[in-house]
């Protein structure tokens, strides 16, 4: 056999290791037929994710609170109308906005029935609806024709004209006739977090109750069964076990489990992805993972995101309900940062013009 680099054989990993690819997708838009419809068939899946993954749930709830939680201002006439909105019977208008915004992010679309006075057209109520129960119907050009409630009712589909449904749609882009759930881009992260949590749960349990391998010097099944029963009972009760010291009878080995730091780092990165994906600064949870000044900058950068979301809701309330409101903004850190900058300037830490001007040197 000949040895040496000249006789090296190369592998062909292209036939054994597949490349990572992204699945191509098409928009859900009108395709020329007289009517084109769309209905959310993944709501139960999204609802399951929301109620199973605590990090996802807390992040989405916090996002809703930051956009709508501080309430709104309106002129006296508008406020009187909105103060009488009760939703399912016990809601306030703020509750309904919070509900509609959160479900829009979770399902892609949120719907509420607009109930008006038949004579005056005055808004009487907004009744939230199950997003999976509503079918969106557009014409051949993609223009909204109507909504149909297809389940959670008796008899035929309940028809709603466009002005009878308050509809918030998340990231409805291109010619889509519906919004897109945040869950769609987070599925892999969500499953990785759940998998990681399940693995760590088993590991931590083994720290409290480690795996013990008993080596019995007998093949008598009755003796083995008696020993297993006695040891299981002792472990479950936390009792001591006294065995005559005879190495010919028994030996044992405790299996220790050590967690690699990479596992914990991976878990932190997965959890952080929930907040980055939703556009939520970690500082609002008390941990920005950075310095105080870095956390403030991160918070300030997200203020524009909150402002944009609030403006969207305000515009939809005006366009669909014909009412003007102004959502109260979260607390800003801009003034605080300006004060920090002033302090730095007094201490001579502010960047001066000559700090960035080239010179010839001494």
Protein backbone atom coordinates (compact mmCIF):
# COMPACT_ATOMS: atom_id res chain seq x y z
CA UNK A 1 0.00 0.00 0.00
CA UNK A 2 1.30 3.43 -0.95
CA UNK A 3 1.27 6.16 1.69
CA UNK A 4 1.58 9.94 1.30
CA UNK A 5 -0.42 13.02 0.36
CA UNK A 6 -0.36 12.10 -3.30
CA UNK A 7 -2.65 9.18 -2.52
CA UNK A 8 -5.18 11.24 -0.53
CA UNK A 9 -8.85 10.57 -1.24
CA UNK A 10 -11.31 13.47 -1.00
CA UNK A 11 -14.79 13.16 0.42
CA UNK A 12 -17.93 14.29 -1.40
CA UNK A 13 -20.09 15.79 1.33
CA UNK A 14 -22.49 17.29 -1.20
CA UNK A 15 -24.08 13.86 -1.54
CA UNK A 16 -24.35 13.23 2.20
CA UNK A 17 -24.76 16.65 3.86
CA UNK A 18 -27.70 18.67 2.61
CA UNK A 19 -27.56 22.44 2.35
CA UNK A 20 -29.84 24.59 4.49
CA UNK A 21 -32.62 26.00 2.31
CA UNK A 22 -35.63 28.25 2.76
CA UNK A 23 -38.98 27.03 1.46
CA UNK A 24 -40.27 29.25 -1.39
CA UNK A 25 -43.64 30.88 -0.71
CA UNK A 26 -46.31 32.65 -2.72
CA UNK A 27 -48.61 35.41 -1.52
CA UNK A 28 -52.27 34.74 -0.74
CA UNK A 29 -53.69 37.19 -3.26
CA UNK A 30 -56.48 37.20 -5.80
CA UNK A 31 -55.73 35.01 -8.82
CA UNK A 32 -58.36 36.28 -11.25
CA UNK A 33 -61.41 34.27 -10.25
CA UNK A 34 -64.64 36.08 -9.41
CA UNK A 35 -64.10 35.62 -5.68
CA UNK A 36 -61.03 34.61 -3.72
CA UNK A 37 -61.26 33.63 -0.05
CA UNK A 38 -58.88 33.05 2.84
CA UNK A 39 -59.44 31.70 6.33
CA UNK A 40 -56.97 31.19 9.18
CA UNK A 41 -56.58 27.41 9.59
CA UNK A 42 -53.58 27.62 11.95
CA UNK A 43 -55.20 29.50 14.84
CA UNK A 44 -55.34 26.47 17.16
CA UNK A 45 -51.63 25.87 16.50
CA UNK A 46 -50.74 29.50 17.27
CA UNK A 47 -52.96 29.48 20.37
CA UNK A 48 -51.20 26.33 21.55
CA UNK A 49 -47.76 27.90 21.14
CA UNK A 50 -48.91 31.02 23.01
CA UNK A 51 -50.25 29.11 26.00
CA UNK A 52 -47.40 26.55 26.15
CA UNK A 53 -44.25 28.66 25.85
CA UNK A 54 -44.03 31.10 28.81
CA UNK A 55 -41.31 33.28 27.22
CA UNK A 56 -43.41 33.74 24.08
CA UNK A 57 -46.55 34.51 26.08
CA UNK A 58 -44.88 37.03 28.36
CA UNK A 59 -43.17 38.76 25.42
CA UNK A 60 -46.37 39.10 23.41
CA UNK A 61 -48.36 40.26 26.43
CA UNK A 62 -45.67 42.84 27.24
CA UNK A 63 -45.70 44.06 23.63
CA UNK A 64 -49.48 44.57 23.82
CA UNK A 65 -49.19 46.38 27.13
CA UNK A 66 -46.51 48.73 25.82
CA UNK A 67 -48.57 49.69 22.78
CA UNK A 68 -52.03 50.03 24.37
CA UNK A 69 -51.58 49.66 28.13
CA UNK A 70 -51.35 53.34 29.08
CA UNK A 71 -54.76 54.04 27.61
CA UNK A 72 -55.75 56.83 25.26
CA UNK A 73 -56.96 60.40 25.10
CA UNK A 74 -59.87 61.69 23.02
CA UNK A 75 -62.20 64.66 22.85
CA UNK A 76 -65.14 64.61 25.33
CA UNK A 77 -67.71 63.46 22.75
CA UNK A 78 -65.55 60.58 21.54
CA UNK A 79 -64.71 59.57 25.10
CA UNK A 80 -68.40 59.33 26.01
CA UNK A 81 -68.96 56.96 23.07
CA UNK A 82 -65.94 54.79 23.87
CA UNK A 83 -66.70 54.69 27.60
CA UNK A 84 -69.91 52.82 26.76
CA UNK A 85 -68.16 50.08 24.76
CA UNK A 86 -68.37 46.81 26.71
CA UNK A 87 -67.20 44.10 24.26
CA UNK A 88 -68.51 40.79 25.56
CA UNK A 89 -70.14 42.58 28.47
CA UNK A 90 -67.33 43.50 30.87
CA UNK A 91 -64.66 44.98 28.57
CA UNK A 92 -63.50 48.56 28.30
CA UNK A 93 -62.44 50.06 24.97
CA UNK A 94 -58.81 49.87 26.17
CA UNK A 95 -59.28 46.16 26.89
CA UNK A 96 -60.60 45.63 23.38
CA UNK A 97 -57.71 47.49 21.74
CA UNK A 98 -55.24 45.41 23.77
CA UNK A 99 -57.07 42.21 22.77
CA UNK A 100 -57.23 43.13 19.09
CA UNK A 101 -53.58 44.19 18.92
CA UNK A 102 -52.25 41.09 20.70
CA UNK A 103 -54.39 38.68 18.64
CA UNK A 104 -53.32 40.49 15.46
CA UNK A 105 -49.68 39.74 16.31
CA UNK A 106 -50.51 36.16 17.34
CA UNK A 107 -52.92 35.18 14.55
CA UNK A 108 -51.94 37.66 11.86
CA UNK A 109 -55.44 39.17 11.88
CA UNK A 110 -57.93 40.14 14.57
CA UNK A 111 -61.62 40.80 14.05
CA UNK A 112 -64.37 42.45 16.05
CA UNK A 113 -67.99 42.97 15.06
CA UNK A 114 -68.93 46.66 14.80
CA UNK A 115 -72.37 47.23 16.26
CA UNK A 116 -74.01 50.58 15.48
CA UNK A 117 -77.34 52.21 16.14
CA UNK A 118 -79.58 51.58 13.10
CA UNK A 119 -80.96 55.11 13.09
CA UNK A 120 -77.99 57.30 14.10
CA UNK A 121 -75.12 55.02 13.03
CA UNK A 122 -73.58 55.74 16.44
CA UNK A 123 -71.03 53.14 17.58
CA UNK A 124 -72.61 51.02 20.31
CA UNK A 125 -70.17 48.15 20.76
CA UNK A 126 -67.19 46.17 19.48
CA UNK A 127 -67.48 42.41 19.96
CA UNK A 128 -64.20 40.45 19.54
CA UNK A 129 -64.43 37.37 17.28
CA UNK A 130 -62.45 34.15 16.95
CA UNK A 131 -59.92 34.80 14.15
CA UNK A 132 -60.33 31.26 12.84
CA UNK A 133 -64.08 31.74 12.40
CA UNK A 134 -63.82 34.56 9.86
CA UNK A 135 -63.39 34.09 6.12
CA UNK A 136 -62.06 37.04 4.10
CA UNK A 137 -63.63 37.40 0.63
CA UNK A 138 -62.14 39.58 -2.11
CA UNK A 139 -63.00 40.11 -5.79
CA UNK A 140 -60.89 39.23 -8.83
CA UNK A 141 -58.78 42.37 -8.30
CA UNK A 142 -58.11 41.66 -4.63
CA UNK A 143 -60.53 44.30 -3.30
CA UNK A 144 -62.37 43.35 -0.10
CA UNK A 145 -65.99 42.32 -0.72
CA UNK A 146 -67.16 40.98 2.64
CA UNK A 147 -66.41 38.84 5.67
CA UNK A 148 -68.16 35.57 6.51
CA UNK A 149 -68.35 33.97 9.93
CA UNK A 150 -68.26 30.26 9.13
CA UNK A 151 -68.16 28.60 12.55
CA UNK A 152 -69.24 29.20 16.14
CA UNK A 153 -72.67 30.03 14.73
CA UNK A 154 -75.76 28.03 13.82
CA UNK A 155 -77.15 27.72 10.33
CA UNK A 156 -75.69 29.49 7.30
CA UNK A 157 -72.56 31.63 7.22
CA UNK A 158 -73.10 35.02 8.81
CA UNK A 159 -72.33 37.74 6.27
CA UNK A 160 -70.64 41.02 7.27
CA UNK A 161 -70.15 43.99 4.99
CA UNK A 162 -66.61 45.43 5.24
CA UNK A 163 -67.76 48.34 7.42
CA UNK A 164 -69.29 45.91 9.94
CA UNK A 165 -65.95 44.36 10.97
CA UNK A 166 -63.07 46.06 12.80
CA UNK A 167 -60.07 44.30 11.26
CA UNK A 168 -56.42 44.70 12.28
CA UNK A 169 -53.94 43.00 9.95
CA UNK A 170 -50.28 42.43 10.85
CA UNK A 171 -47.60 42.88 8.16
CA UNK A 172 -50.05 42.54 5.27
CA UNK A 173 -47.58 43.09 2.44
CA UNK A 174 -47.54 42.77 -1.35
CA UNK A 175 -51.00 41.63 -2.54
CA UNK A 176 -51.76 39.54 0.55
CA UNK A 177 -55.39 39.67 1.69
CA UNK A 178 -54.47 38.79 5.27
CA UNK A 179 -51.79 39.44 7.86
CA UNK A 180 -48.95 37.16 8.96
CA UNK A 181 -48.54 35.80 12.47
CA UNK A 182 -45.32 36.44 14.37
CA UNK A 183 -45.34 32.71 15.12
CA UNK A 184 -44.51 31.86 11.49
CA UNK A 185 -41.00 33.29 11.73
CA UNK A 186 -40.51 32.02 15.29
CA UNK A 187 -41.49 28.35 14.98
CA UNK A 188 -37.95 26.97 14.95
CA UNK A 189 -36.99 29.19 17.89
CA UNK A 190 -40.08 28.15 19.83
CA UNK A 191 -39.45 24.45 19.28
CA UNK A 192 -35.77 24.84 20.15
CA UNK A 193 -36.70 26.57 23.42
CA UNK A 194 -39.20 23.86 24.32
CA UNK A 195 -36.70 21.12 23.47
CA UNK A 196 -33.97 22.86 25.48
CA UNK A 197 -36.26 23.35 28.48
CA UNK A 198 -37.35 19.69 28.39
CA UNK A 199 -33.74 18.51 28.26
CA UNK A 200 -32.67 20.77 31.14
CA UNK A 201 -35.67 19.70 33.19
CA UNK A 202 -34.50 16.08 32.95
CA UNK A 203 -30.93 17.06 33.79
CA UNK A 204 -31.96 19.06 36.86
CA UNK A 205 -34.14 16.18 38.02
CA UNK A 206 -31.11 13.89 37.77
CA UNK A 207 -29.17 16.30 39.99
CA UNK A 208 -31.80 15.83 42.71
CA UNK A 209 -32.27 12.12 42.06
CA UNK A 210 -29.18 10.85 40.22
CA UNK A 211 -29.16 7.64 38.26
CA UNK A 212 -27.61 4.81 40.29
CA UNK A 213 -26.40 1.62 38.68
CA UNK A 214 -26.54 -1.30 41.12
CA UNK A 215 -24.47 -4.35 40.29
CA UNK A 216 -25.95 -7.37 42.05
CA UNK A 217 -23.85 -10.47 42.42
CA UNK A 218 -26.79 -12.76 41.81
CA UNK A 219 -29.06 -13.83 39.01
CA UNK A 220 -31.80 -15.01 41.37
CA UNK A 221 -34.82 -13.07 40.10
CA UNK A 222 -36.64 -13.22 43.43
CA UNK A 223 -33.67 -11.67 45.24
CA UNK A 224 -33.31 -9.01 42.53
CA UNK A 225 -37.02 -8.14 42.74
CA UNK A 226 -36.87 -7.86 46.54
CA UNK A 227 -33.81 -5.62 46.36
CA UNK A 228 -35.37 -3.35 43.69
CA UNK A 229 -38.54 -2.94 45.77
CA UNK A 230 -36.58 -2.12 48.92
CA UNK A 231 -34.26 0.40 47.21
CA UNK A 232 -37.07 2.15 45.28
CA UNK A 233 -39.01 2.54 48.53
CA UNK A 234 -35.95 3.92 50.33
CA UNK A 235 -35.15 6.42 47.52
CA UNK A 236 -38.75 7.66 47.29
CA UNK A 237 -38.93 8.23 51.05
CA UNK A 238 -35.38 9.56 51.37
CA UNK A 239 -34.54 6.85 53.90
CA UNK A 240 -31.13 5.46 54.74
CA UNK A 241 -30.21 1.97 53.56
CA UNK A 242 -28.01 -0.37 55.59
CA UNK A 243 -26.44 -3.32 53.79
CA UNK A 244 -23.92 -5.78 55.25
CA UNK A 245 -20.49 -4.90 53.88
CA UNK A 246 -19.73 -7.71 51.52
CA UNK A 247 -18.39 -6.77 48.10
CA UNK A 248 -19.41 -10.18 46.87
CA UNK A 249 -23.06 -9.18 47.36
CA UNK A 250 -23.29 -5.66 45.89
CA UNK A 251 -21.44 -2.79 44.25
CA UNK A 252 -22.87 0.44 42.81
CA UNK A 253 -22.02 3.48 40.73
CA UNK A 254 -23.62 6.94 40.83
CA UNK A 255 -23.94 8.53 37.39
CA UNK A 256 -23.14 12.26 37.64
CA UNK A 257 -24.46 14.74 35.09
CA UNK A 258 -22.64 17.95 34.25
CA UNK A 259 -24.16 20.81 32.26
CA UNK A 260 -21.85 22.32 29.69
CA UNK A 261 -21.85 26.15 29.65
CA UNK A 262 -22.67 26.00 25.94
CA UNK A 263 -26.09 24.56 26.84
CA UNK A 264 -26.93 27.53 29.07
CA UNK A 265 -25.59 30.05 26.56
CA UNK A 266 -27.70 28.43 23.86
CA UNK A 267 -30.77 28.67 26.08
CA UNK A 268 -30.18 32.38 26.75
CA UNK A 269 -29.79 33.06 23.04
CA UNK A 270 -33.04 31.24 22.26
CA UNK A 271 -34.95 33.21 24.90
CA UNK A 272 -33.52 36.51 23.66
CA UNK A 273 -34.76 35.72 20.17
CA UNK A 274 -38.37 35.97 21.35
CA UNK A 275 -37.85 39.60 22.24
CA UNK A 276 -35.71 40.52 19.24
CA UNK A 277 -38.28 39.02 16.87
CA UNK A 278 -41.17 40.88 18.48
CA UNK A 279 -39.24 44.16 18.62
CA UNK A 280 -39.17 44.34 22.40
CA UNK A 281 -36.12 45.62 24.35
CA UNK A 282 -34.92 43.25 27.06
CA UNK A 283 -34.50 46.17 29.44
CA UNK A 284 -38.28 46.20 30.05
CA UNK A 285 -37.88 42.76 31.65
CA UNK A 286 -35.11 44.05 33.93
CA UNK A 287 -32.24 42.54 31.96
CA UNK A 288 -30.79 44.12 28.86
CA UNK A 289 -27.72 41.91 28.99
CA UNK A 290 -25.52 44.97 28.60
CA UNK A 291 -24.40 48.13 30.39
CA UNK A 292 -26.84 50.71 31.75
CA UNK A 293 -26.07 53.11 28.93
CA UNK A 294 -26.37 50.31 26.37
CA UNK A 295 -29.74 49.33 27.78
CA UNK A 296 -30.95 52.92 27.53
CA UNK A 297 -29.89 53.16 23.91
CA UNK A 298 -31.64 49.86 23.14
CA UNK A 299 -34.80 51.12 24.82
CA UNK A 300 -34.66 54.43 22.94
CA UNK A 301 -34.21 52.65 19.62
CA UNK A 302 -37.41 50.68 20.24
CA UNK A 303 -39.43 53.79 21.04
CA UNK A 304 -39.82 54.36 17.30
CA UNK A 305 -41.20 50.82 16.94
CA UNK A 306 -43.78 51.42 19.69
CA UNK A 307 -44.68 54.78 18.15
CA UNK A 308 -45.22 53.18 14.74
CA UNK A 309 -47.48 50.47 16.19
CA UNK A 310 -49.50 53.03 18.13
CA UNK A 311 -49.91 55.18 15.03
CA UNK A 312 -51.16 52.13 13.11
CA UNK A 313 -53.83 51.40 15.73
CA UNK A 314 -54.88 55.07 15.88
CA UNK A 315 -55.23 55.23 12.09
CA UNK A 316 -57.32 52.05 11.99
CA UNK A 317 -59.64 53.35 14.70
CA UNK A 318 -60.16 56.50 12.61
CA UNK A 319 -60.49 54.67 9.24
CA UNK A 320 -62.85 51.95 10.49
CA UNK A 321 -64.68 53.48 13.47
CA UNK A 322 -64.49 57.15 12.41
CA UNK A 323 -63.22 58.14 15.86
CA UNK A 324 -60.06 60.04 16.75
CA UNK A 325 -57.97 58.78 19.65
CA UNK A 326 -54.39 59.26 20.79
CA UNK A 327 -52.70 56.32 22.50
CA UNK A 328 -50.55 57.36 25.43
CA UNK A 329 -46.89 56.59 24.77
CA UNK A 330 -44.65 54.50 27.04
CA UNK A 331 -42.23 56.37 29.26
CA UNK A 332 -39.42 57.87 27.17
CA UNK A 333 -35.74 57.80 28.09
CA UNK A 334 -34.77 60.59 25.69
CA UNK A 335 -34.72 63.24 28.41
CA UNK A 336 -32.73 60.90 30.67
CA UNK A 337 -30.14 60.33 27.94
CA UNK A 338 -29.87 64.06 27.33
CA UNK A 339 -29.18 64.57 31.03
CA UNK A 340 -26.48 61.89 30.88
CA UNK A 341 -24.90 63.66 27.92
CA UNK A 342 -24.90 66.97 29.81
CA UNK A 343 -23.20 65.30 32.76
CA UNK A 344 -20.56 63.84 30.46
CA UNK A 345 -19.96 67.27 28.91
CA UNK A 346 -19.41 68.84 32.35
CA UNK A 347 -16.93 66.08 33.16
CA UNK A 348 -15.04 66.68 29.94
CA UNK A 349 -16.15 63.38 28.41
CA UNK A 350 -18.08 64.80 25.46
CA UNK A 351 -16.37 64.38 22.09
CA UNK A 352 -14.92 67.73 21.01
CA UNK A 353 -14.36 68.97 17.45
CA UNK A 354 -10.59 68.74 17.73
CA UNK A 355 -10.95 65.07 18.78
CA UNK A 356 -11.97 64.19 15.23
CA UNK A 357 -9.83 66.74 13.34
CA UNK A 358 -6.57 65.52 11.86
CA UNK A 359 -3.44 67.40 12.85
CA UNK A 360 0.26 67.33 12.14
CA UNK A 361 1.18 66.29 15.64
CA UNK A 362 3.62 67.85 18.10
